[in-house]
PDB file of all heavy atoms in Angstrom:
ATOM      1  N   GLU A   1       5.339   2.417  -7.641  1.00  0.00           N
ATOM      2  CA  GLU A   1       6.235   3.192  -8.497  1.00  0.00           C
ATOM      3  C   GLU A   1       6.814   4.389  -7.754  1.00  0.00           C
ATOM      4  O   GLU A   1       8.019   4.673  -7.847  1.00  0.00           O
ATOM      5  CB  GLU A   1       5.486   3.650  -9.752  1.00  0.00           C
ATOM      6  CG  GLU A   1       6.258   4.597 -10.650  1.00  0.00           C
ATOM      7  CD  GLU A   1       7.433   3.931 -11.369  1.00  0.00           C
ATOM      8  OE1 GLU A   1       7.573   2.687 -11.272  1.00  0.00           O
ATOM      9  OE2 GLU A   1       8.216   4.647 -12.010  1.00  0.00           O
ATOM     10  N   ARG A   2       5.969   5.091  -7.025  1.00  0.00           N
ATOM     11  CA  ARG A   2       6.455   6.258  -6.277  1.00  0.00           C
ATOM     12  C   ARG A   2       7.481   5.846  -5.228  1.00  0.00           C
ATOM     13  O   ARG A   2       8.505   6.523  -5.038  1.00  0.00           O
ATOM     14  CB  ARG A   2       5.274   6.986  -5.623  1.00  0.00           C
ATOM     15  CG  ARG A   2       4.366   7.711  -6.610  1.00  0.00           C
ATOM     16  CD  ARG A   2       3.360   8.598  -5.906  1.00  0.00           C
ATOM     17  NE  ARG A   2       2.432   7.843  -5.070  1.00  0.00           N
ATOM     18  CZ  ARG A   2       1.295   7.302  -5.518  1.00  0.00           C
ATOM     19  NH1 ARG A   2       0.952   7.418  -6.789  1.00  0.00           N
ATOM     20  NH2 ARG A   2       0.495   6.642  -4.690  1.00  0.00           N
ATOM     21  N   ALA A   3       7.238   4.724  -4.549  1.00  0.00           N
ATOM     22  CA  ALA A   3       8.168   4.246  -3.529  1.00  0.00           C
ATOM     23  C   ALA A   3       9.499   3.841  -4.149  1.00  0.00           C
ATOM     24  O   ALA A   3      10.571   4.183  -3.641  1.00  0.00           O
ATOM     25  CB  ALA A   3       7.548   3.068  -2.773  1.00  0.00           C
ATOM     26  N   THR A   4       9.441   3.127  -5.262  1.00  0.00           N
ATOM     27  CA  THR A   4      10.660   2.678  -5.925  1.00  0.00           C
ATOM     28  C   THR A   4      11.485   3.862  -6.411  1.00  0.00           C
ATOM     29  O   THR A   4      12.713   3.897  -6.241  1.00  0.00           O
ATOM     30  CB  THR A   4      10.327   1.757  -7.114  1.00  0.00           C
ATOM     31  OG1 THR A   4       9.491   0.683  -6.668  1.00  0.00           O
ATOM     32  CG2 THR A   4      11.599   1.168  -7.718  1.00  0.00           C
ATOM     33  N   GLN A   5      10.837   4.837  -7.004  1.00  0.00           N
ATOM     34  CA  GLN A   5      11.551   6.005  -7.515  1.00  0.00           C
ATOM     35  C   GLN A   5      12.168   6.831  -6.391  1.00  0.00           C
ATOM     36  O   GLN A   5      13.257   7.394  -6.545  1.00  0.00           O
ATOM     37  CB  GLN A   5      10.620   6.859  -8.376  1.00  0.00           C
ATOM     38  CG  GLN A   5      10.203   6.209  -9.678  1.00  0.00           C
ATOM     39  CD  GLN A   5      11.395   5.874 -10.578  1.00  0.00           C
ATOM     40  OE1 GLN A   5      12.381   6.619 -10.630  1.00  0.00           O
ATOM     41  NE2 GLN A   5      11.309   4.752 -11.286  1.00  0.00           N
ATOM     42  N   GLU A   6      11.482   6.900  -5.254  1.00  0.00           N
ATOM     43  CA  GLU A   6      12.046   7.629  -4.117  1.00  0.00           C
ATOM     44  C   GLU A   6      13.284   6.913  -3.584  1.00  0.00           C
ATOM     45  O   GLU A   6      14.291   7.561  -3.240  1.00  0.00           O
ATOM     46  CB  GLU A   6      10.998   7.771  -3.007  1.00  0.00           C
ATOM     47  CG  GLU A   6      11.495   8.499  -1.767  1.00  0.00           C
ATOM     48  CD  GLU A   6      11.983   9.912  -2.015  1.00  0.00           C
ATOM     49  OE1 GLU A   6      11.571  10.529  -3.025  1.00  0.00           O
ATOM     50  OE2 GLU A   6      12.784  10.428  -1.197  1.00  0.00           O
ATOM     51  N   LEU A   7      13.245   5.582  -3.539  1.00  0.00           N
ATOM     52  CA  LEU A   7      14.424   4.827  -3.132  1.00  0.00           C
ATOM     53  C   LEU A   7      15.572   5.047  -4.115  1.00  0.00           C
ATOM     54  O   LEU A   7      16.736   5.191  -3.716  1.00  0.00           O
ATOM     55  CB  LEU A   7      14.094   3.335  -3.038  1.00  0.00           C
ATOM     56  CG  LEU A   7      13.119   2.911  -1.941  1.00  0.00           C
ATOM     57  CD1 LEU A   7      12.816   1.427  -2.051  1.00  0.00           C
ATOM     58  CD2 LEU A   7      13.656   3.250  -0.559  1.00  0.00           C
ATOM     59  N   ALA A   8      15.246   5.078  -5.401  1.00  0.00           N
ATOM     60  CA  ALA A   8      16.269   5.292  -6.426  1.00  0.00           C
ATOM     61  C   ALA A   8      16.893   6.680  -6.310  1.00  0.00           C
ATOM     62  O   ALA A   8      18.064   6.871  -6.661  1.00  0.00           O
ATOM     63  CB  ALA A   8      15.666   5.103  -7.820  1.00  0.00           C
ATOM     64  N   ARG A   9      16.134   7.636  -5.813  1.00  0.00           N
ATOM     65  CA  ARG A   9      16.659   8.984  -5.611  1.00  0.00           C
ATOM     66  C   ARG A   9      17.640   9.014  -4.434  1.00  0.00           C
ATOM     67  O   ARG A   9      18.622   9.755  -4.458  1.00  0.00           O
ATOM     68  CB  ARG A   9      15.499   9.955  -5.357  1.00  0.00           C
ATOM     69  CG  ARG A   9      15.902  11.412  -5.298  1.00  0.00           C
ATOM     70  CD  ARG A   9      14.723  12.301  -4.948  1.00  0.00           C
ATOM     71  NE  ARG A   9      14.254  12.096  -3.579  1.00  0.00           N
ATOM     72  CZ  ARG A   9      14.828  12.635  -2.502  1.00  0.00           C
ATOM     73  NH1 ARG A   9      15.896  13.415  -2.642  1.00  0.00           N
ATOM     74  NH2 ARG A   9      14.341  12.414  -1.305  1.00  0.00           N
ATOM     75  N   ARG A  10      17.385   8.188  -3.426  1.00  0.00           N
ATOM     76  CA  ARG A  10      18.191   8.217  -2.201  1.00  0.00           C
ATOM     77  C   ARG A  10      19.414   7.305  -2.251  1.00  0.00           C
ATOM     78  O   ARG A  10      20.371   7.527  -1.504  1.00  0.00           O
ATOM     79  CB  ARG A  10      17.330   7.811  -1.003  1.00  0.00           C
ATOM     80  CG  ARG A  10      16.136   8.705  -0.727  1.00  0.00           C
ATOM     81  CD  ARG A  10      15.415   8.275   0.544  1.00  0.00           C
ATOM     82  NE  ARG A  10      14.143   8.968   0.723  1.00  0.00           N
ATOM     83  CZ  ARG A  10      13.360   8.823   1.780  1.00  0.00           C
ATOM     84  NH1 ARG A  10      13.733   7.997   2.774  1.00  0.00           N
ATOM     85  NH2 ARG A  10      12.221   9.468   1.871  1.00  0.00           N
ATOM     86  N   TYR A  11      19.374   6.268  -3.088  1.00  0.00           N
ATOM     87  CA  TYR A  11      20.428   5.247  -3.071  1.00  0.00           C
ATOM     88  C   TYR A  11      21.063   5.076  -4.447  1.00  0.00           C
ATOM     89  O   TYR A  11      20.468   5.415  -5.475  1.00  0.00           O
ATOM     90  CB  TYR A  11      19.858   3.902  -2.611  1.00  0.00           C
ATOM     91  CG  TYR A  11      19.580   3.848  -1.126  1.00  0.00           C
ATOM     92  CD1 TYR A  11      18.385   4.352  -0.609  1.00  0.00           C
ATOM     93  CD2 TYR A  11      20.501   3.304  -0.235  1.00  0.00           C
ATOM     94  CE1 TYR A  11      18.121   4.317   0.754  1.00  0.00           C
ATOM     95  CE2 TYR A  11      20.247   3.249   1.127  1.00  0.00           C
ATOM     96  CZ  TYR A  11      19.063   3.759   1.615  1.00  0.00           C
ATOM     97  OH  TYR A  11      18.809   3.722   2.962  1.00  0.00           O
ATOM     98  N   ASP A  12      22.272   4.497  -4.457  1.00  0.00           N
ATOM     99  CA  ASP A  12      22.958   4.204  -5.715  1.00  0.00           C
ATOM    100  C   ASP A  12      22.297   3.055  -6.463  1.00  0.00           C
ATOM    101  O   ASP A  12      22.226   3.063  -7.691  1.00  0.00           O
ATOM    102  CB  ASP A  12      24.428   3.833  -5.455  1.00  0.00           C
ATOM    103  CG  ASP A  12      25.215   4.959  -4.810  1.00  0.00           C
ATOM    104  OD1 ASP A  12      24.894   6.132  -5.087  1.00  0.00           O
ATOM    105  OD2 ASP A  12      26.142   4.662  -4.039  1.00  0.00           O
ATOM    106  N   VAL A  13      21.847   2.053  -5.707  1.00  0.00           N
ATOM    107  CA  VAL A  13      21.259   0.862  -6.313  1.00  0.00           C
ATOM    108  C   VAL A  13      20.024   0.452  -5.513  1.00  0.00           C
ATOM    109  O   VAL A  13      20.049   0.430  -4.276  1.00  0.00           O
ATOM    110  CB  VAL A  13      22.257  -0.317  -6.332  1.00  0.00           C
ATOM    111  CG1 VAL A  13      21.593  -1.579  -6.910  1.00  0.00           C
ATOM    112  CG2 VAL A  13      23.500   0.033  -7.130  1.00  0.00           C
ATOM    113  N   VAL A  14      18.948   0.125  -6.229  1.00  0.00           N
ATOM    114  CA  VAL A  14      17.737  -0.413  -5.620  1.00  0.00           C
ATOM    115  C   VAL A  14      17.517  -1.822  -6.167  1.00  0.00           C
ATOM    116  O   VAL A  14      17.466  -2.008  -7.389  1.00  0.00           O
ATOM    117  CB  VAL A  14      16.497   0.455  -5.921  1.00  0.00           C
ATOM    118  CG1 VAL A  14      15.259  -0.130  -5.237  1.00  0.00           C
ATOM    119  CG2 VAL A  14      16.727   1.896  -5.507  1.00  0.00           C
ATOM    120  N   LEU A  15      17.406  -2.802  -5.286  1.00  0.00           N
ATOM    121  CA  LEU A  15      17.128  -4.181  -5.681  1.00  0.00           C
ATOM    122  C   LEU A  15      15.682  -4.489  -5.317  1.00  0.00           C
ATOM    123  O   LEU A  15      15.326  -4.535  -4.140  1.00  0.00           O
ATOM    124  CB  LEU A  15      18.069  -5.149  -4.957  1.00  0.00           C
ATOM    125  CG  LEU A  15      19.572  -4.926  -5.177  1.00  0.00           C
ATOM    126  CD1 LEU A  15      20.378  -5.943  -4.366  1.00  0.00           C
ATOM    127  CD2 LEU A  15      19.935  -5.020  -6.660  1.00  0.00           C
ATOM    128  N   VAL A  16      14.847  -4.670  -6.342  1.00  0.00           N
ATOM    129  CA  VAL A  16      13.416  -4.896  -6.148  1.00  0.00           C
ATOM    130  C   VAL A  16      13.135  -6.392  -6.244  1.00  0.00           C
ATOM    131  O   VAL A  16      13.255  -6.983  -7.322  1.00  0.00           O
ATOM    132  CB  VAL A  16      12.583  -4.138  -7.196  1.00  0.00           C
ATOM    133  CG1 VAL A  16      11.095  -4.390  -6.965  1.00  0.00           C
ATOM    134  CG2 VAL A  16      12.892  -2.644  -7.159  1.00  0.00           C
ATOM    135  N   GLU A  17      12.773  -6.996  -5.130  1.00  0.00           N
ATOM    136  CA  GLU A  17      12.476  -8.434  -5.142  1.00  0.00           C
ATOM    137  C   GLU A  17      11.028  -8.682  -5.533  1.00  0.00           C
ATOM    138  O   GLU A  17      10.108  -8.098  -4.960  1.00  0.00           O
ATOM    139  CB  GLU A  17      12.756  -9.067  -3.776  1.00  0.00           C
ATOM    140  CG  GLU A  17      12.500 -10.561  -3.781  1.00  0.00           C
ATOM    141  CD  GLU A  17      12.601 -11.208  -2.417  1.00  0.00           C
ATOM    142  OE1 GLU A  17      13.195 -10.596  -1.499  1.00  0.00           O
ATOM    143  OE2 GLU A  17      12.062 -12.328  -2.254  1.00  0.00           O
ATOM    144  N   GLY A  18      10.840  -9.568  -6.501  1.00  0.00           N
ATOM    145  CA  GLY A  18       9.506  -9.929  -6.928  1.00  0.00           C
ATOM    146  C   GLY A  18       8.868 -10.967  -6.022  1.00  0.00           C
ATOM    147  O   GLY A  18       9.435 -11.390  -5.020  1.00  0.00           O
ATOM    148  N   ALA A  19       7.660 -11.389  -6.410  1.00  0.00           N
ATOM    149  CA  ALA A  19       6.928 -12.426  -5.682  1.00  0.00           C
ATOM    150  C   ALA A  19       6.817 -13.643  -6.592  1.00  0.00           C
ATOM    151  O   ALA A  19       6.171 -13.581  -7.631  1.00  0.00           O
ATOM    152  CB  ALA A  19       5.542 -11.922  -5.286  1.00  0.00           C
ATOM    153  N   GLY A  20       7.476 -14.743  -6.210  1.00  0.00           N
ATOM    154  CA  GLY A  20       7.428 -15.929  -7.048  1.00  0.00           C
ATOM    155  C   GLY A  20       8.269 -15.777  -8.306  1.00  0.00           C
ATOM    156  O   GLY A  20       9.228 -15.006  -8.344  1.00  0.00           O
ATOM    157  N   GLY A  21       7.896 -16.500  -9.351  1.00  0.00           N
ATOM    158  CA  GLY A  21       8.645 -16.491 -10.600  1.00  0.00           C
ATOM    159  C   GLY A  21       8.187 -15.435 -11.581  1.00  0.00           C
ATOM    160  O   GLY A  21       7.296 -14.623 -11.290  1.00  0.00           O
ATOM    161  N   LEU A  22       8.781 -15.468 -12.767  1.00  0.00           N
ATOM    162  CA  LEU A  22       8.524 -14.441 -13.780  1.00  0.00           C
ATOM    163  C   LEU A  22       7.076 -14.375 -14.239  1.00  0.00           C
ATOM    164  O   LEU A  22       6.556 -13.301 -14.526  1.00  0.00           O
ATOM    165  CB  LEU A  22       9.407 -14.702 -15.008  1.00  0.00           C
ATOM    166  CG  LEU A  22      10.885 -14.353 -14.902  1.00  0.00           C
ATOM    167  CD1 LEU A  22      11.614 -14.844 -16.145  1.00  0.00           C
ATOM    168  CD2 LEU A  22      11.074 -12.853 -14.722  1.00  0.00           C
ATOM    169  N   MET A  23       6.420 -15.522 -14.324  1.00  0.00           N
ATOM    170  CA  MET A  23       5.085 -15.550 -14.908  1.00  0.00           C
ATOM    171  C   MET A  23       3.968 -15.468 -13.867  1.00  0.00           C
ATOM    172  O   MET A  23       2.799 -15.683 -14.185  1.00  0.00           O
ATOM    173  CB  MET A  23       4.917 -16.825 -15.739  1.00  0.00           C
ATOM    174  CG  MET A  23       5.964 -16.996 -16.827  1.00  0.00           C
ATOM    175  SD  MET A  23       6.003 -15.639 -18.025  1.00  0.00           S
ATOM    176  CE  MET A  23       4.609 -16.079 -19.060  1.00  0.00           C
ATOM    177  N   VAL A  24       4.306 -15.143 -12.642  1.00  0.00           N
ATOM    178  CA  VAL A  24       3.286 -15.003 -11.601  1.00  0.00           C
ATOM    179  C   VAL A  24       2.374 -13.826 -11.935  1.00  0.00           C
ATOM    180  O   VAL A  24       2.850 -12.726 -12.227  1.00  0.00           O
ATOM    181  CB  VAL A  24       3.957 -14.799 -10.225  1.00  0.00           C
ATOM    182  CG1 VAL A  24       2.956 -14.285  -9.196  1.00  0.00           C
ATOM    183  CG2 VAL A  24       4.577 -16.097  -9.744  1.00  0.00           C
ATOM    184  N   PRO A  25       1.039 -14.036 -11.904  1.00  0.00           N
ATOM    185  CA  PRO A  25       0.121 -12.943 -12.225  1.00  0.00           C
ATOM    186  C   PRO A  25      -0.006 -11.923 -11.106  1.00  0.00           C
ATOM    187  O   PRO A  25      -0.132 -12.269  -9.933  1.00  0.00           O
ATOM    188  CB  PRO A  25      -1.222 -13.664 -12.456  1.00  0.00           C
ATOM    189  CG  PRO A  25      -1.101 -14.953 -11.719  1.00  0.00           C
ATOM    190  CD  PRO A  25       0.340 -15.328 -11.721  1.00  0.00           C
ATOM    191  N   LEU A  26       0.058 -10.651 -11.498  1.00  0.00           N
ATOM    192  CA  LEU A  26      -0.192  -9.550 -10.570  1.00  0.00           C
ATOM    193  C   LEU A  26      -1.664  -9.163 -10.596  1.00  0.00           C
ATOM    194  O   LEU A  26      -2.228  -8.764  -9.573  1.00  0.00           O
ATOM    195  CB  LEU A  26       0.692  -8.355 -10.925  1.00  0.00           C
ATOM    196  CG  LEU A  26       2.200  -8.641 -10.986  1.00  0.00           C
ATOM    197  CD1 LEU A  26       2.970  -7.381 -11.375  1.00  0.00           C
ATOM    198  CD2 LEU A  26       2.722  -9.209  -9.674  1.00  0.00           C
ATOM    199  N   THR A  27      -2.262  -9.240 -11.778  1.00  0.00           N
ATOM    200  CA  THR A  27      -3.713  -9.121 -11.942  1.00  0.00           C
ATOM    201  C   THR A  27      -4.121 -10.260 -12.877  1.00  0.00           C
ATOM    202  O   THR A  27      -3.290 -11.060 -13.305  1.00  0.00           O
ATOM    203  CB  THR A  27      -4.124  -7.772 -12.553  1.00  0.00           C
ATOM    204  OG1 THR A  27      -3.704  -7.728 -13.931  1.00  0.00           O
ATOM    205  CG2 THR A  27      -3.486  -6.599 -11.807  1.00  0.00           C
ATOM    206  N   ASP A  28      -5.386 -10.319 -13.214  1.00  0.00           N
ATOM    207  CA  ASP A  28      -5.849 -11.402 -14.079  1.00  0.00           C
ATOM    208  C   ASP A  28      -5.214 -11.367 -15.460  1.00  0.00           C
ATOM    209  O   ASP A  28      -5.133 -12.390 -16.138  1.00  0.00           O
ATOM    210  CB  ASP A  28      -7.381 -11.363 -14.210  1.00  0.00           C
ATOM    211  CG  ASP A  28      -8.077 -11.831 -12.942  1.00  0.00           C
ATOM    212  OD1 ASP A  28      -7.408 -12.463 -12.092  1.00  0.00           O
ATOM    213  OD2 ASP A  28      -9.285 -11.560 -12.786  1.00  0.00           O
ATOM    214  N   ASP A  29      -4.765 -10.183 -15.905  1.00  0.00           N
ATOM    215  CA  ASP A  29      -4.200 -10.085 -17.252  1.00  0.00           C
ATOM    216  C   ASP A  29      -2.869  -9.342 -17.284  1.00  0.00           C
ATOM    217  O   ASP A  29      -2.486  -8.772 -18.309  1.00  0.00           O
ATOM    218  CB  ASP A  29      -5.201  -9.415 -18.203  1.00  0.00           C
ATOM    219  CG  ASP A  29      -5.683  -8.060 -17.691  1.00  0.00           C
ATOM    220  OD1 ASP A  29      -5.159  -7.598 -16.651  1.00  0.00           O
ATOM    221  OD2 ASP A  29      -6.577  -7.474 -18.325  1.00  0.00           O
ATOM    222  N   TYR A  30      -2.151  -9.357 -16.173  1.00  0.00           N
ATOM    223  CA  TYR A  30      -0.884  -8.625 -16.080  1.00  0.00           C
ATOM    224  C   TYR A  30       0.073  -9.447 -15.235  1.00  0.00           C
ATOM    225  O   TYR A  30      -0.162  -9.674 -14.044  1.00  0.00           O
ATOM    226  CB  TYR A  30      -1.140  -7.253 -15.445  1.00  0.00           C
ATOM    227  CG  TYR A  30       0.003  -6.278 -15.464  1.00  0.00           C
ATOM    228  CD1 TYR A  30       0.657  -5.922 -16.639  1.00  0.00           C
ATOM    229  CD2 TYR A  30       0.415  -5.656 -14.276  1.00  0.00           C
ATOM    230  CE1 TYR A  30       1.691  -4.990 -16.652  1.00  0.00           C
ATOM    231  CE2 TYR A  30       1.435  -4.718 -14.269  1.00  0.00           C
ATOM    232  CZ  TYR A  30       2.075  -4.387 -15.455  1.00  0.00           C
ATOM    233  OH  TYR A  30       3.089  -3.463 -15.458  1.00  0.00           O
ATOM    234  N   LEU A  31       1.168  -9.911 -15.865  1.00  0.00           N
ATOM    235  CA  LEU A  31       2.126 -10.794 -15.212  1.00  0.00           C
ATOM    236  C   LEU A  31       3.325 -10.018 -14.680  1.00  0.00           C
ATOM    237  O   LEU A  31       3.600  -8.895 -15.110  1.00  0.00           O
ATOM    238  CB  LEU A  31       2.607 -11.870 -16.195  1.00  0.00           C
ATOM    239  CG  LEU A  31       1.547 -12.676 -16.929  1.00  0.00           C
ATOM    240  CD1 LEU A  31       2.205 -13.624 -17.930  1.00  0.00           C
ATOM    241  CD2 LEU A  31       0.674 -13.446 -15.950  1.00  0.00           C
ATOM    242  N   THR A  32       4.069 -10.658 -13.783  1.00  0.00           N
ATOM    243  CA  THR A  32       5.293 -10.044 -13.272  1.00  0.00           C
ATOM    244  C   THR A  32       6.241  -9.690 -14.415  1.00  0.00           C
ATOM    245  O   THR A  32       6.848  -8.616 -14.426  1.00  0.00           O
ATOM    246  CB  THR A  32       5.995 -10.991 -12.285  1.00  0.00           C
ATOM    247  OG1 THR A  32       5.126 -11.218 -11.162  1.00  0.00           O
ATOM    248  CG2 THR A  32       7.300 -10.400 -11.787  1.00  0.00           C
ATOM    249  N   ILE A  33       6.377 -10.569 -15.387  1.00  0.00           N
ATOM    250  CA  ILE A  33       7.291 -10.315 -16.503  1.00  0.00           C
ATOM    251  C   ILE A  33       6.823  -9.121 -17.330  1.00  0.00           C
ATOM    252  O   ILE A  33       7.656  -8.382 -17.891  1.00  0.00           O
ATOM    253  CB  ILE A  33       7.458 -11.580 -17.377  1.00  0.00           C
ATOM    254  CG1 ILE A  33       8.683 -11.428 -18.274  1.00  0.00           C
ATOM    255  CG2 ILE A  33       6.195 -11.899 -18.152  1.00  0.00           C
ATOM    256  CD1 ILE A  33       9.084 -12.704 -18.993  1.00  0.00           C
ATOM    257  N   ASP A  34       5.509  -8.887 -17.388  1.00  0.00           N
ATOM    258  CA  ASP A  34       4.989  -7.700 -18.073  1.00  0.00           C
ATOM    259  C   ASP A  34       5.419  -6.426 -17.333  1.00  0.00           C
ATOM    260  O   ASP A  34       5.774  -5.427 -17.957  1.00  0.00           O
ATOM    261  CB  ASP A  34       3.463  -7.743 -18.145  1.00  0.00           C
ATOM    262  CG  ASP A  34       2.940  -8.936 -18.931  1.00  0.00           C
ATOM    263  OD1 ASP A  34       3.609  -9.340 -19.910  1.00  0.00           O
ATOM    264  OD2 ASP A  34       1.875  -9.461 -18.567  1.00  0.00           O
ATOM    265  N   TYR A  35       5.375  -6.496 -16.012  1.00  0.00           N
ATOM    266  CA  TYR A  35       5.786  -5.349 -15.182  1.00  0.00           C
ATOM    267  C   TYR A  35       7.257  -5.021 -15.414  1.00  0.00           C
ATOM    268  O   TYR A  35       7.623  -3.853 -15.599  1.00  0.00           O
ATOM    269  CB  TYR A  35       5.523  -5.680 -13.712  1.00  0.00           C
ATOM    270  CG  TYR A  35       5.835  -4.564 -12.747  1.00  0.00           C
ATOM    271  CD1 TYR A  35       4.892  -3.584 -12.461  1.00  0.00           C
ATOM    272  CD2 TYR A  35       7.062  -4.510 -12.088  1.00  0.00           C
ATOM    273  CE1 TYR A  35       5.166  -2.562 -11.564  1.00  0.00           C
ATOM    274  CE2 TYR A  35       7.345  -3.487 -11.180  1.00  0.00           C
ATOM    275  CZ  TYR A  35       6.397  -2.521 -10.927  1.00  0.00           C
ATOM    276  OH  TYR A  35       6.678  -1.509 -10.045  1.00  0.00           O
ATOM    277  N   ILE A  36       8.108  -6.046 -15.415  1.00  0.00           N
ATOM    278  CA  ILE A  36       9.548  -5.834 -15.619  1.00  0.00           C
ATOM    279  C   ILE A  36       9.803  -5.216 -16.989  1.00  0.00           C
ATOM    280  O   ILE A  36      10.589  -4.276 -17.129  1.00  0.00           O
ATOM    281  CB  ILE A  36      10.311  -7.166 -15.489  1.00  0.00           C
ATOM    282  CG1 ILE A  36      10.094  -7.781 -14.104  1.00  0.00           C
ATOM    283  CG2 ILE A  36      11.802  -6.962 -15.743  1.00  0.00           C
ATOM    284  CD1 ILE A  36      10.552  -9.224 -14.004  1.00  0.00           C
ATOM    285  N   ALA A  37       9.136  -5.759 -18.000  1.00  0.00           N
ATOM    286  CA  ALA A  37       9.325  -5.257 -19.362  1.00  0.00           C
ATOM    287  C   ALA A  37       8.834  -3.819 -19.498  1.00  0.00           C
ATOM    288  O   ALA A  37       9.469  -2.987 -20.145  1.00  0.00           O
ATOM    289  CB  ALA A  37       8.600  -6.159 -20.354  1.00  0.00           C
ATOM    290  N   GLU A  38       7.705  -3.521 -18.871  1.00  0.00           N
ATOM    291  CA  GLU A  38       7.145  -2.176 -18.945  1.00  0.00           C
ATOM    292  C   GLU A  38       8.073  -1.151 -18.298  1.00  0.00           C
ATOM    293  O   GLU A  38       8.293  -0.064 -18.834  1.00  0.00           O
ATOM    294  CB  GLU A  38       5.781  -2.149 -18.257  1.00  0.00           C
ATOM    295  CG  GLU A  38       5.118  -0.787 -18.233  1.00  0.00           C
ATOM    296  CD  GLU A  38       3.814  -0.821 -17.452  1.00  0.00           C
ATOM    297  OE1 GLU A  38       2.905  -1.592 -17.844  1.00  0.00           O
ATOM    298  OE2 GLU A  38       3.713  -0.098 -16.449  1.00  0.00           O
ATOM    299  N   LYS A  39       8.635  -1.507 -17.148  1.00  0.00           N
ATOM    300  CA  LYS A  39       9.526  -0.595 -16.430  1.00  0.00           C
ATOM    301  C   LYS A  39      10.935  -0.578 -17.018  1.00  0.00           C
ATOM    302  O   LYS A  39      11.731   0.305 -16.697  1.00  0.00           O
ATOM    303  CB  LYS A  39       9.606  -0.980 -14.950  1.00  0.00           C
ATOM    304  CG  LYS A  39       8.272  -0.962 -14.221  1.00  0.00           C
ATOM    305  CD  LYS A  39       7.641   0.416 -14.254  1.00  0.00           C
ATOM    306  CE  LYS A  39       6.323   0.422 -13.508  1.00  0.00           C
ATOM    307  NZ  LYS A  39       5.618   1.730 -13.623  1.00  0.00           N
ATOM    308  N   GLN A  40      11.240  -1.555 -17.857  1.00  0.00           N
ATOM    309  CA  GLN A  40      12.570  -1.687 -18.472  1.00  0.00           C
ATOM    310  C   GLN A  40      13.667  -1.827 -17.416  1.00  0.00           C
ATOM    311  O   GLN A  40      14.767  -1.297 -17.566  1.00  0.00           O
ATOM    312  CB  GLN A  40      12.856  -0.512 -19.411  1.00  0.00           C
ATOM    313  CG  GLN A  40      11.889  -0.433 -20.571  1.00  0.00           C
ATOM    314  CD  GLN A  40      12.228   0.674 -21.558  1.00  0.00           C
ATOM    315  OE1 GLN A  40      12.830   1.685 -21.209  1.00  0.00           O
ATOM    316  NE2 GLN A  40      11.860   0.468 -22.813  1.00  0.00           N
ATOM    317  N   TYR A  41      13.351  -2.572 -16.361  1.00  0.00           N
ATOM    318  CA  TYR A  41      14.344  -2.833 -15.325  1.00  0.00           C
ATOM    319  C   TYR A  41      15.302  -3.936 -15.781  1.00  0.00           C
ATOM    320  O   TYR A  41      14.851  -4.963 -16.296  1.00  0.00           O
ATOM    321  CB  TYR A  41      13.672  -3.296 -14.028  1.00  0.00           C
ATOM    322  CG  TYR A  41      12.841  -2.266 -13.312  1.00  0.00           C
ATOM    323  CD1 TYR A  41      11.752  -2.656 -12.537  1.00  0.00           C
ATOM    324  CD2 TYR A  41      13.157  -0.913 -13.371  1.00  0.00           C
ATOM    325  CE1 TYR A  41      10.991  -1.721 -11.855  1.00  0.00           C
ATOM    326  CE2 TYR A  41      12.389   0.027 -12.699  1.00  0.00           C
ATOM    327  CZ  TYR A  41      11.308  -0.384 -11.943  1.00  0.00           C
ATOM    328  OH  TYR A  41      10.547   0.540 -11.274  1.00  0.00           O
TER     329      TYR A  41
END
């Protein structure tokens, strides 16, 4: 989060590439799609 926000401060647009598809798990109970929804990207 800190890295992404710092990039957003320096640039007009930040393109954050995920790993795999939307439903790929980041932890046992937290999916990539949950991360996107939480950040409201």
